[in-house]
Protein backbone atom coordinates (compact mmCIF):
# COMPACT_ATOMS: atom_id res chain seq x y z
CA MET A 1 288.21 20.27 -116.54
CA THR A 2 288.98 21.17 -112.83
CA ASP A 3 291.14 17.96 -112.55
CA ASP A 4 293.09 19.12 -115.67
CA VAL A 5 293.97 22.56 -114.50
CA GLU A 6 294.82 21.33 -110.95
CA LYS A 7 297.01 18.74 -112.53
CA THR A 8 298.73 21.18 -114.85
CA LEU A 9 299.36 23.60 -111.96
CA LYS A 10 300.71 20.88 -109.78
CA SER A 11 303.01 19.66 -112.55
CA PHE A 12 304.25 23.22 -113.22
CA MET A 13 304.89 23.89 -109.71
CA LYS A 14 306.84 20.59 -109.13
CA HIS A 15 308.96 21.27 -112.18
CA PHE A 16 309.61 24.81 -111.49
CA GLY A 17 310.68 23.97 -107.98
CA ALA A 18 312.95 21.27 -109.23
CA LEU A 19 314.87 23.97 -111.18
CA ASN A 20 316.47 24.76 -107.70
CA ARG A 21 318.21 21.37 -107.96
CA ASP A 22 319.38 21.73 -111.61
CA ILE A 23 319.93 25.29 -112.29
CA PRO A 24 319.52 27.18 -108.88
CA ASP A 25 321.24 30.44 -109.85
CA ALA A 26 319.04 30.96 -112.81
CA ARG A 27 315.84 29.79 -111.10
CA ASN A 28 316.56 32.16 -108.09
CA ALA A 29 317.37 35.13 -110.47
CA PHE A 30 314.05 34.54 -112.13
CA SER A 31 312.19 34.33 -109.00
CA ASP A 32 313.71 37.50 -107.66
CA LEU A 33 312.77 39.22 -110.90
CA GLN A 34 309.18 37.99 -110.68
CA LYS A 35 308.89 39.19 -107.06
CA THR A 36 310.15 42.61 -108.05
CA VAL A 37 307.93 42.92 -111.04
CA HIS A 38 304.77 41.65 -109.40
CA LYS A 39 304.76 44.07 -106.49
CA ASP A 40 302.11 46.77 -106.42
CA GLY A 41 303.34 49.96 -108.08
CA ALA A 42 301.88 52.30 -110.67
CA LEU A 43 300.02 49.00 -111.77
CA SER A 44 298.69 46.73 -109.06
CA ALA A 45 299.91 43.18 -108.75
CA LYS A 46 296.33 41.93 -109.81
CA PHE A 47 296.59 43.97 -113.09
CA LYS A 48 300.05 42.66 -113.60
CA GLU A 49 298.93 39.06 -113.39
CA ILE A 50 296.13 39.92 -115.85
CA ILE A 51 298.60 41.07 -118.13
CA CYS A 52 300.63 37.91 -117.73
CA ILE A 53 297.41 35.93 -118.74
CA VAL A 54 297.15 37.77 -122.02
CA ALA A 55 300.95 37.42 -122.71
CA SER A 56 300.58 33.71 -121.94
CA VAL A 57 297.61 33.37 -124.39
CA LEU A 58 299.68 35.09 -127.13
CA SER A 59 302.78 32.95 -126.34
CA PRO A 60 301.00 30.41 -126.14
CA CYS A 61 301.91 28.72 -122.85
CA GLU A 62 299.41 26.58 -121.17
CA GLU A 63 301.28 26.25 -117.94
CA CYS A 64 301.65 29.98 -117.76
CA MET A 65 297.98 30.53 -118.41
CA VAL A 66 297.04 28.23 -115.63
CA TYR A 67 299.60 29.73 -113.17
CA HIS A 68 298.85 33.34 -113.89
CA THR A 69 294.95 32.84 -113.97
CA LYS A 70 295.29 31.20 -110.43
CA GLN A 71 297.52 34.07 -109.21
CA ALA A 72 295.17 36.72 -110.72
CA ILE A 73 292.18 35.15 -108.96
CA SER A 74 294.10 35.02 -105.58
CA LEU A 75 294.70 38.74 -105.90
CA GLY A 76 290.92 39.33 -106.47
CA ALA A 77 290.65 39.39 -110.28
CA THR A 78 287.14 38.48 -111.39
CA ARG A 79 286.04 36.26 -114.17
CA GLU A 80 284.85 39.43 -116.03
CA GLU A 81 288.13 41.24 -115.79
CA ILE A 82 290.01 38.28 -116.91
CA MET A 83 287.86 37.52 -119.85
CA GLU A 84 287.83 41.19 -120.89
CA ALA A 85 291.60 41.06 -120.91
CA CYS A 86 291.31 37.93 -123.00
CA SER A 87 289.42 40.00 -125.61
CA VAL A 88 292.52 42.01 -126.00
CA ALA A 89 294.43 38.89 -126.71
CA ILE A 90 291.98 38.10 -129.41
CA VAL A 91 292.46 41.60 -131.02
CA MET A 92 296.33 41.03 -130.96
CA GLY A 93 296.41 37.27 -131.78
CA GLY A 94 293.33 36.60 -133.83
CA GLY A 95 291.69 33.13 -134.11
CA PRO A 96 294.81 31.16 -132.62
CA ALA A 97 294.57 33.37 -129.54
CA ALA A 98 290.84 32.88 -129.22
CA SER A 99 291.42 29.02 -129.27
CA HIS A 100 293.91 29.19 -126.54
CA ILE A 101 291.54 31.11 -124.13
CA SER A 102 289.75 27.92 -123.57
CA THR A 103 292.51 26.99 -121.05
CA VAL A 104 291.80 30.29 -119.16
CA GLN A 105 288.05 29.44 -119.41
CA ASP A 106 288.80 26.02 -117.83
CA CYS A 107 290.80 27.77 -114.95
CA LEU A 108 287.91 30.20 -114.40
CA ASP A 109 285.28 27.39 -114.22
CA ALA A 110 287.41 25.61 -111.61
CA TRP A 111 288.39 28.51 -109.48
CA ALA A 112 286.07 31.45 -110.36
CA PRO A 113 282.76 29.80 -111.32
CA ARG A 114 279.84 31.89 -112.73
CA LYS A 115 277.60 33.08 -109.92
């Protein structure tokens, strides 16, 4: 599954970057909002990325799950923290949410394997 999540991430980044060509004002406004929101504040940037994973599971948005899981790991989130947050997604979204968590698990297997 490593290849799948890497392929999904690469495709997402390519297409998100291409928005600069097609709708630069909207893409830049969104990027500015993201930078503002994802700074450390009362909540850490890591915690905010974990929240984004839960929101992505509930949406559901596979590309968002992959992107935000990668971001959370890069900020020091552990497999245990991410999976515990995913349990909250199951509480809020039931069986459908539980089925989408497989994408997050694939990301964790690729980027934060069990020790």
